[in-house]
Amino acid sequence: MATVSSSEPWAYALHLPHHPRAPRVARMTLRAVLGGHGISELIDVAELLTSEVVTNSYRHSDGPASLRMRSMEGGRLRVSVWDTNPVIPAPFDKPPTLLPFLPEPDDSTGGRGLLLVQLCADNWGGFSVGAGLGGKLLWFELGQPDVAFAFAA
């Protein structure tokens, strides 16, 4: 089981402008944070899922976004992305289930990123942010990459 190695809790936040390079900057930052905390076993899956959620944010909102990474109890990692669009996409609009949300098959080249999050993350969710900033927050948690990859494969 992968665990967050630092005994002290930590959190990092990154403001992302509405820019096509935002997903790359988010991936690079996440890689640096996890590497700096000695959590290299989570880097690949965390980077993939973060890229999908930040890309979704860029494509479906017209304002800035924010990325937050933090250690959690039990050696878990939580990554959350806030953006200005208040619409929570499926499958984040419902509680996580054991069976993945499978979109209708079509010939499109996109629209499968959140399915990857659903398949690879240990837990995930989303909620509307009412007062103040508005928009929504999507999040996922990781802690056991071997289980997630075995299920996704």
N, C-alpha and C. Protein backbone atom coordinates (compact mmCIF):
# COMPACT_ATOMS: atom_id res chain seq x y z
N MET A 1 0.84 -1.18 0.00
CA MET A 1 0.00 0.00 0.00
C MET A 1 0.88 1.24 0.00
N ALA A 2 0.62 2.15 -0.90
CA ALA A 2 1.36 3.40 -0.94
C ALA A 2 0.86 4.31 0.15
N THR A 3 1.78 5.00 0.76
CA THR A 3 1.37 5.93 1.80
C THR A 3 2.07 7.26 1.61
N VAL A 4 1.48 8.29 2.14
CA VAL A 4 2.10 9.60 2.15
C VAL A 4 3.17 9.54 3.23
N SER A 5 4.44 9.74 2.87
CA SER A 5 5.54 9.43 3.76
C SER A 5 5.75 10.42 4.90
N SER A 6 5.43 11.65 4.72
CA SER A 6 5.68 12.64 5.76
C SER A 6 4.71 12.46 6.92
N SER A 7 5.25 12.52 8.14
CA SER A 7 4.37 12.39 9.31
C SER A 7 3.60 13.68 9.57
N GLU A 8 4.10 14.78 9.09
CA GLU A 8 3.41 16.06 9.24
C GLU A 8 2.43 16.26 8.08
N PRO A 9 1.21 16.70 8.37
CA PRO A 9 0.27 16.98 7.26
C PRO A 9 0.78 18.12 6.39
N TRP A 10 0.47 18.07 5.13
CA TRP A 10 0.89 19.12 4.21
C TRP A 10 -0.21 19.36 3.18
N ALA A 11 -0.18 20.54 2.60
CA ALA A 11 -1.11 20.91 1.53
C ALA A 11 -0.43 21.94 0.64
N TYR A 12 -0.68 21.84 -0.65
CA TYR A 12 -0.17 22.79 -1.63
C TYR A 12 -1.33 23.23 -2.51
N ALA A 13 -1.30 24.49 -2.91
CA ALA A 13 -2.33 25.02 -3.80
C ALA A 13 -1.66 25.77 -4.93
N LEU A 14 -2.28 25.70 -6.09
CA LEU A 14 -1.74 26.35 -7.28
C LEU A 14 -2.88 27.01 -8.03
N HIS A 15 -2.76 28.31 -8.29
CA HIS A 15 -3.74 29.04 -9.09
C HIS A 15 -3.39 28.81 -10.55
N LEU A 16 -4.38 28.42 -11.34
CA LEU A 16 -4.17 28.14 -12.76
C LEU A 16 -5.00 29.11 -13.60
N PRO A 17 -4.36 29.89 -14.45
CA PRO A 17 -5.14 30.75 -15.34
C PRO A 17 -5.85 29.90 -16.39
N HIS A 18 -6.85 30.47 -17.02
CA HIS A 18 -7.53 29.76 -18.11
C HIS A 18 -6.62 29.82 -19.33
N HIS A 19 -5.79 28.78 -19.44
CA HIS A 19 -4.76 28.75 -20.48
C HIS A 19 -4.52 27.30 -20.88
N PRO A 20 -4.26 27.04 -22.17
CA PRO A 20 -4.06 25.65 -22.61
C PRO A 20 -2.87 24.95 -21.97
N ARG A 21 -1.92 25.69 -21.42
CA ARG A 21 -0.77 25.06 -20.76
C ARG A 21 -1.05 24.71 -19.30
N ALA A 22 -2.21 25.06 -18.78
CA ALA A 22 -2.53 24.81 -17.37
C ALA A 22 -2.42 23.33 -16.99
N PRO A 23 -2.93 22.39 -17.80
CA PRO A 23 -2.78 20.97 -17.43
C PRO A 23 -1.31 20.54 -17.29
N ARG A 24 -0.45 21.02 -18.17
CA ARG A 24 0.97 20.66 -18.10
C ARG A 24 1.60 21.24 -16.83
N VAL A 25 1.30 22.49 -16.52
CA VAL A 25 1.83 23.11 -15.31
C VAL A 25 1.33 22.36 -14.08
N ALA A 26 0.07 21.95 -14.08
CA ALA A 26 -0.48 21.19 -12.96
C ALA A 26 0.25 19.85 -12.81
N ARG A 27 0.49 19.14 -13.92
CA ARG A 27 1.20 17.86 -13.86
C ARG A 27 2.61 18.04 -13.31
N MET A 28 3.32 19.05 -13.80
CA MET A 28 4.69 19.28 -13.36
C MET A 28 4.73 19.62 -11.86
N THR A 29 3.79 20.43 -11.42
CA THR A 29 3.74 20.80 -10.01
C THR A 29 3.44 19.58 -9.15
N LEU A 30 2.46 18.80 -9.54
CA LEU A 30 2.11 17.59 -8.79
C LEU A 30 3.31 16.65 -8.71
N ARG A 31 4.00 16.46 -9.81
CA ARG A 31 5.18 15.59 -9.84
C ARG A 31 6.24 16.08 -8.86
N ALA A 32 6.46 17.39 -8.82
CA ALA A 32 7.46 17.96 -7.91
C ALA A 32 7.03 17.79 -6.45
N VAL A 33 5.77 18.02 -6.15
CA VAL A 33 5.28 17.89 -4.78
C VAL A 33 5.37 16.44 -4.30
N LEU A 34 4.86 15.51 -5.08
CA LEU A 34 4.89 14.11 -4.66
C LEU A 34 6.33 13.59 -4.57
N GLY A 35 7.15 13.95 -5.53
CA GLY A 35 8.56 13.56 -5.48
C GLY A 35 9.26 14.14 -4.26
N GLY A 36 8.96 15.39 -3.94
CA GLY A 36 9.55 16.05 -2.78
C GLY A 36 9.14 15.42 -1.46
N HIS A 37 7.98 14.79 -1.43
CA HIS A 37 7.51 14.12 -0.22
C HIS A 37 7.77 12.62 -0.25
N GLY A 38 8.50 12.15 -1.25
CA GLY A 38 8.87 10.75 -1.32
C GLY A 38 7.72 9.81 -1.64
N ILE A 39 6.78 10.29 -2.44
CA ILE A 39 5.60 9.48 -2.78
C ILE A 39 5.65 9.12 -4.26
N SER A 40 6.77 8.63 -4.70
CA SER A 40 6.96 8.38 -6.13
C SER A 40 6.02 7.30 -6.66
N GLU A 41 5.56 6.37 -5.82
CA GLU A 41 4.68 5.30 -6.30
C GLU A 41 3.31 5.81 -6.73
N LEU A 42 2.93 7.02 -6.33
CA LEU A 42 1.64 7.58 -6.73
C LEU A 42 1.73 8.55 -7.90
N ILE A 43 2.96 8.91 -8.29
CA ILE A 43 3.13 9.99 -9.27
C ILE A 43 2.40 9.70 -10.58
N ASP A 44 2.60 8.53 -11.17
CA ASP A 44 2.04 8.27 -12.50
C ASP A 44 0.52 8.36 -12.54
N VAL A 45 -0.15 7.66 -11.63
CA VAL A 45 -1.61 7.68 -11.65
C VAL A 45 -2.13 9.05 -11.21
N ALA A 46 -1.50 9.69 -10.23
CA ALA A 46 -1.94 11.02 -9.80
C ALA A 46 -1.77 12.04 -10.92
N GLU A 47 -0.69 11.93 -11.66
CA GLU A 47 -0.43 12.84 -12.78
C GLU A 47 -1.48 12.66 -13.88
N LEU A 48 -1.79 11.43 -14.21
CA LEU A 48 -2.81 11.15 -15.23
C LEU A 48 -4.17 11.72 -14.82
N LEU A 49 -4.60 11.43 -13.59
CA LEU A 49 -5.92 11.87 -13.15
C LEU A 49 -5.99 13.38 -12.99
N THR A 50 -4.92 13.98 -12.49
CA THR A 50 -4.88 15.44 -12.36
C THR A 50 -4.97 16.09 -13.73
N SER A 51 -4.24 15.54 -14.69
CA SER A 51 -4.29 16.07 -16.05
C SER A 51 -5.70 16.02 -16.62
N GLU A 52 -6.40 14.92 -16.38
CA GLU A 52 -7.77 14.78 -16.89
C GLU A 52 -8.71 15.81 -16.26
N VAL A 53 -8.63 15.99 -14.95
CA VAL A 53 -9.55 16.91 -14.27
C VAL A 53 -9.22 18.36 -14.63
N VAL A 54 -7.93 18.71 -14.69
CA VAL A 54 -7.56 20.09 -15.05
C VAL A 54 -7.90 20.37 -16.52
N THR A 55 -7.70 19.40 -17.39
CA THR A 55 -8.08 19.58 -18.80
C THR A 55 -9.58 19.79 -18.92
N ASN A 56 -10.35 19.03 -18.18
CA ASN A 56 -11.81 19.20 -18.16
C ASN A 56 -12.17 20.62 -17.71
N SER A 57 -11.49 21.07 -16.69
CA SER A 57 -11.73 22.42 -16.18
C SER A 57 -11.46 23.47 -17.26
N TYR A 58 -10.34 23.33 -17.95
CA TYR A 58 -10.01 24.28 -19.00
C TYR A 58 -11.03 24.24 -20.14
N ARG A 59 -11.41 23.04 -20.55
CA ARG A 59 -12.32 22.90 -21.69
C ARG A 59 -13.75 23.35 -21.40
N HIS A 60 -14.20 23.21 -20.15
CA HIS A 60 -15.61 23.44 -19.85
C HIS A 60 -15.88 24.65 -18.95
N SER A 61 -14.87 25.46 -18.73
CA SER A 61 -15.10 26.73 -18.02
C SER A 61 -14.36 27.83 -18.77
N ASP A 62 -14.66 29.05 -18.46
CA ASP A 62 -13.97 30.14 -19.15
C ASP A 62 -13.25 31.05 -18.16
N GLY A 63 -12.99 30.54 -16.98
CA GLY A 63 -12.29 31.32 -15.97
C GLY A 63 -11.11 30.54 -15.42
N PRO A 64 -10.49 31.07 -14.37
CA PRO A 64 -9.34 30.41 -13.78
C PRO A 64 -9.74 29.12 -13.05
N ALA A 65 -8.74 28.38 -12.62
CA ALA A 65 -8.95 27.16 -11.84
C ALA A 65 -7.93 27.15 -10.71
N SER A 66 -8.11 26.22 -9.81
CA SER A 66 -7.18 26.07 -8.70
C SER A 66 -6.98 24.59 -8.43
N LEU A 67 -5.72 24.20 -8.24
CA LEU A 67 -5.35 22.82 -7.94
C LEU A 67 -4.89 22.78 -6.49
N ARG A 68 -5.35 21.78 -5.75
CA ARG A 68 -4.90 21.59 -4.37
C ARG A 68 -4.54 20.13 -4.16
N MET A 69 -3.39 19.91 -3.54
CA MET A 69 -2.93 18.57 -3.19
C MET A 69 -2.69 18.56 -1.70
N ARG A 70 -3.14 17.49 -1.02
CA ARG A 70 -2.88 17.43 0.42
C ARG A 70 -2.80 15.99 0.90
N SER A 71 -2.01 15.83 1.95
CA SER A 71 -1.92 14.53 2.61
C SER A 71 -3.16 14.37 3.48
N MET A 72 -3.55 13.11 3.67
CA MET A 72 -4.73 12.83 4.48
C MET A 72 -4.40 11.73 5.48
N GLU A 73 -5.26 11.59 6.46
CA GLU A 73 -5.12 10.53 7.43
C GLU A 73 -5.07 9.19 6.74
N GLY A 74 -4.34 8.26 7.32
CA GLY A 74 -4.28 6.93 6.75
C GLY A 74 -3.35 6.83 5.55
N GLY A 75 -2.49 7.83 5.36
CA GLY A 75 -1.53 7.77 4.26
C GLY A 75 -2.13 7.96 2.89
N ARG A 76 -3.16 8.75 2.79
CA ARG A 76 -3.84 8.98 1.51
C ARG A 76 -3.46 10.35 0.95
N LEU A 77 -3.69 10.50 -0.34
CA LEU A 77 -3.48 11.76 -1.05
C LEU A 77 -4.81 12.21 -1.61
N ARG A 78 -5.15 13.48 -1.42
CA ARG A 78 -6.34 14.04 -2.06
C ARG A 78 -5.90 15.16 -2.99
N VAL A 79 -6.43 15.11 -4.22
CA VAL A 79 -6.21 16.15 -5.22
C VAL A 79 -7.57 16.73 -5.56
N SER A 80 -7.68 18.06 -5.52
CA SER A 80 -8.95 18.69 -5.88
C SER A 80 -8.69 19.83 -6.85
N VAL A 81 -9.67 20.03 -7.73
CA VAL A 81 -9.60 21.09 -8.74
C VAL A 81 -10.90 21.88 -8.68
N TRP A 82 -10.76 23.18 -8.47
CA TRP A 82 -11.89 24.10 -8.48
C TRP A 82 -11.87 24.84 -9.81
N ASP A 83 -13.06 25.09 -10.37
CA ASP A 83 -13.16 25.97 -11.53
C ASP A 83 -14.46 26.77 -11.45
N THR A 84 -14.65 27.67 -12.39
CA THR A 84 -15.76 28.62 -12.33
C THR A 84 -17.08 28.08 -12.87
N ASN A 85 -17.08 26.93 -13.52
CA ASN A 85 -18.31 26.35 -14.07
C ASN A 85 -19.03 25.58 -12.95
N PRO A 86 -20.27 25.93 -12.63
CA PRO A 86 -20.97 25.26 -11.53
C PRO A 86 -21.53 23.88 -11.87
N VAL A 87 -21.50 23.47 -13.13
CA VAL A 87 -22.09 22.20 -13.55
C VAL A 87 -21.15 21.05 -13.16
N ILE A 88 -21.67 20.11 -12.38
CA ILE A 88 -20.89 18.95 -11.97
C ILE A 88 -21.13 17.84 -12.99
N PRO A 89 -20.07 17.40 -13.69
CA PRO A 89 -20.25 16.38 -14.73
C PRO A 89 -20.44 14.98 -14.14
N ALA A 90 -21.11 14.13 -14.90
CA ALA A 90 -21.20 12.71 -14.53
C ALA A 90 -19.80 12.13 -14.70
N PRO A 91 -19.38 11.26 -13.86
CA PRO A 91 -20.07 10.60 -12.77
C PRO A 91 -19.93 11.31 -11.43
N PHE A 92 -19.31 12.50 -11.40
CA PHE A 92 -19.06 13.21 -10.15
C PHE A 92 -20.33 13.78 -9.52
N ASP A 93 -21.43 13.77 -10.26
CA ASP A 93 -22.68 14.31 -9.74
C ASP A 93 -23.42 13.34 -8.84
N LYS A 94 -22.89 12.12 -8.67
CA LYS A 94 -23.50 11.11 -7.80
C LYS A 94 -22.41 10.49 -6.93
N PRO A 95 -22.78 9.88 -5.81
CA PRO A 95 -21.76 9.23 -4.97
C PRO A 95 -21.04 8.12 -5.74
N PRO A 96 -19.76 7.85 -5.39
CA PRO A 96 -19.02 6.77 -6.07
C PRO A 96 -19.73 5.43 -5.91
N THR A 97 -19.62 4.60 -6.94
CA THR A 97 -20.20 3.26 -6.92
C THR A 97 -19.12 2.26 -7.28
N LEU A 98 -19.39 1.00 -7.03
CA LEU A 98 -18.44 -0.04 -7.39
C LEU A 98 -18.39 -0.25 -8.90
N LEU A 99 -19.53 -0.06 -9.57
CA LEU A 99 -19.57 -0.21 -11.01
C LEU A 99 -19.34 1.14 -11.65
N PRO A 100 -18.42 1.23 -12.61
CA PRO A 100 -18.12 2.52 -13.22
C PRO A 100 -19.26 3.03 -14.09
N PHE A 101 -19.36 4.36 -14.15
CA PHE A 101 -20.28 5.03 -15.07
C PHE A 101 -19.70 4.83 -16.46
N LEU A 102 -20.45 4.23 -17.35
CA LEU A 102 -19.97 4.02 -18.71
C LEU A 102 -20.79 4.85 -19.67
N PRO A 103 -20.15 5.83 -20.31
CA PRO A 103 -20.89 6.66 -21.26
C PRO A 103 -21.30 5.86 -22.49
N GLU A 104 -22.29 6.36 -23.17
CA GLU A 104 -22.73 5.72 -24.41
C GLU A 104 -21.56 5.71 -25.40
N PRO A 105 -21.34 4.57 -26.09
CA PRO A 105 -20.26 4.53 -27.07
C PRO A 105 -20.55 5.48 -28.22
N ASP A 106 -19.52 6.15 -28.66
CA ASP A 106 -19.63 7.01 -29.83
C ASP A 106 -18.25 7.12 -30.48
N ASP A 107 -18.16 7.90 -31.52
CA ASP A 107 -16.91 8.02 -32.25
C ASP A 107 -16.07 9.21 -31.81
N SER A 108 -16.46 9.89 -30.72
CA SER A 108 -15.72 11.07 -30.30
C SER A 108 -14.35 10.69 -29.77
N THR A 109 -13.44 11.63 -29.83
CA THR A 109 -12.07 11.39 -29.35
C THR A 109 -11.89 11.87 -27.92
N GLY A 110 -12.91 12.43 -27.31
CA GLY A 110 -12.81 12.91 -25.94
C GLY A 110 -13.95 12.39 -25.09
N GLY A 111 -13.98 12.83 -23.85
CA GLY A 111 -15.09 12.48 -22.98
C GLY A 111 -14.89 11.26 -22.11
N ARG A 112 -13.67 10.75 -22.06
CA ARG A 112 -13.42 9.56 -21.26
C ARG A 112 -12.52 9.83 -20.06
N GLY A 113 -12.09 11.07 -19.88
CA GLY A 113 -11.16 11.41 -18.81
C GLY A 113 -11.71 11.16 -17.42
N LEU A 114 -12.96 11.54 -17.19
CA LEU A 114 -13.52 11.33 -15.86
C LEU A 114 -13.80 9.86 -15.59
N LEU A 115 -13.99 9.07 -16.64
CA LEU A 115 -14.10 7.62 -16.48
C LEU A 115 -12.77 7.06 -15.96
N LEU A 116 -11.65 7.59 -16.45
CA LEU A 116 -10.34 7.18 -15.94
C LEU A 116 -10.22 7.48 -14.45
N VAL A 117 -10.69 8.65 -14.04
CA VAL A 117 -10.66 9.00 -12.62
C VAL A 117 -11.48 7.99 -11.84
N GLN A 118 -12.65 7.69 -12.33
CA GLN A 118 -13.54 6.74 -11.66
C GLN A 118 -12.90 5.36 -11.54
N LEU A 119 -12.20 4.93 -12.57
CA LEU A 119 -11.59 3.61 -12.57
C LEU A 119 -10.33 3.52 -11.72
N CYS A 120 -9.54 4.59 -11.68
CA CYS A 120 -8.22 4.53 -11.05
C CYS A 120 -8.16 5.10 -9.64
N ALA A 121 -9.05 6.00 -9.28
CA ALA A 121 -9.00 6.60 -7.94
C ALA A 121 -9.69 5.70 -6.92
N ASP A 122 -9.22 5.77 -5.68
CA ASP A 122 -9.84 5.02 -4.60
C ASP A 122 -11.18 5.63 -4.20
N ASN A 123 -11.30 6.93 -4.34
CA ASN A 123 -12.51 7.66 -4.00
C ASN A 123 -12.52 8.94 -4.80
N TRP A 124 -13.70 9.50 -5.08
CA TRP A 124 -13.82 10.73 -5.86
C TRP A 124 -15.17 11.35 -5.60
N GLY A 125 -15.29 12.61 -5.96
CA GLY A 125 -16.56 13.29 -5.80
C GLY A 125 -16.51 14.72 -6.32
N GLY A 126 -17.61 15.41 -6.16
CA GLY A 126 -17.70 16.79 -6.61
C GLY A 126 -18.83 17.48 -5.92
N PHE A 127 -18.72 18.80 -5.79
CA PHE A 127 -19.81 19.57 -5.22
C PHE A 127 -19.74 21.00 -5.73
N SER A 128 -20.90 21.64 -5.71
CA SER A 128 -20.99 23.05 -6.11
C SER A 128 -20.47 23.92 -4.99
N VAL A 129 -19.81 24.99 -5.37
CA VAL A 129 -19.32 25.97 -4.41
C VAL A 129 -20.25 27.17 -4.53
N GLY A 130 -21.10 27.36 -3.54
CA GLY A 130 -22.13 28.40 -3.63
C GLY A 130 -21.62 29.81 -3.40
N ALA A 131 -21.39 30.17 -2.17
CA ALA A 131 -21.04 31.55 -1.82
C ALA A 131 -19.61 31.88 -2.24
N GLY A 132 -19.36 33.15 -2.40
CA GLY A 132 -17.99 33.59 -2.70
C GLY A 132 -17.59 33.34 -4.13
N LEU A 133 -16.68 32.40 -4.34
CA LEU A 133 -16.13 32.14 -5.66
C LEU A 133 -17.12 31.52 -6.63
N GLY A 134 -18.02 30.68 -6.13
CA GLY A 134 -18.93 29.96 -7.00
C GLY A 134 -18.19 28.85 -7.73
N GLY A 135 -18.82 28.27 -8.72
CA GLY A 135 -18.20 27.21 -9.49
C GLY A 135 -18.39 25.85 -8.84
N LYS A 136 -17.41 24.97 -9.04
CA LYS A 136 -17.48 23.61 -8.50
C LYS A 136 -16.10 23.15 -8.09
N LEU A 137 -16.08 22.08 -7.31
CA LEU A 137 -14.84 21.45 -6.91
C LEU A 137 -14.96 19.96 -7.17
N LEU A 138 -14.04 19.41 -7.96
CA LEU A 138 -13.96 17.97 -8.19
C LEU A 138 -12.72 17.47 -7.47
N TRP A 139 -12.81 16.30 -6.86
CA TRP A 139 -11.67 15.77 -6.11
C TRP A 139 -11.55 14.26 -6.30
N PHE A 140 -10.36 13.75 -6.04
CA PHE A 140 -10.14 12.31 -6.01
C PHE A 140 -9.07 12.00 -4.97
N GLU A 141 -9.10 10.75 -4.49
CA GLU A 141 -8.14 10.29 -3.50
C GLU A 141 -7.41 9.06 -4.02
N LEU A 142 -6.15 8.97 -3.63
CA LEU A 142 -5.32 7.82 -3.98
C LEU A 142 -4.62 7.30 -2.74
N GLY A 143 -4.31 6.03 -2.74
CA GLY A 143 -3.57 5.47 -1.64
C GLY A 143 -3.14 4.04 -1.90
N GLN A 144 -3.72 3.38 -2.89
CA GLN A 144 -3.39 2.00 -3.19
C GLN A 144 -3.28 1.81 -4.71
N PRO A 145 -2.19 2.26 -5.33
CA PRO A 145 -2.12 2.21 -6.79
C PRO A 145 -2.19 0.80 -7.36
N ASP A 146 -1.69 -0.20 -6.65
CA ASP A 146 -1.72 -1.56 -7.19
C ASP A 146 -3.15 -2.06 -7.36
N VAL A 147 -4.06 -1.73 -6.46
CA VAL A 147 -5.45 -2.14 -6.57
C VAL A 147 -6.13 -1.41 -7.72
N ALA A 148 -5.90 -0.10 -7.83
CA ALA A 148 -6.54 0.70 -8.88
C ALA A 148 -6.11 0.22 -10.27
N PHE A 149 -4.80 -0.01 -10.46
CA PHE A 149 -4.34 -0.44 -11.77
C PHE A 149 -4.84 -1.84 -12.09
N ALA A 150 -4.93 -2.73 -11.13
CA ALA A 150 -5.43 -4.09 -11.39
C ALA A 150 -6.88 -4.04 -11.86
N PHE A 151 -7.70 -3.15 -11.27
CA PHE A 151 -9.09 -3.01 -11.67
C PHE A 151 -9.21 -2.40 -13.06
N ALA A 152 -8.40 -1.38 -13.33
CA ALA A 152 -8.47 -0.69 -14.62
C ALA A 152 -7.96 -1.56 -15.76
N ALA A 153 -7.03 -2.44 -15.47
CA ALA A 153 -6.46 -3.30 -16.51
C ALA A 153 -7.47 -4.35 -16.88
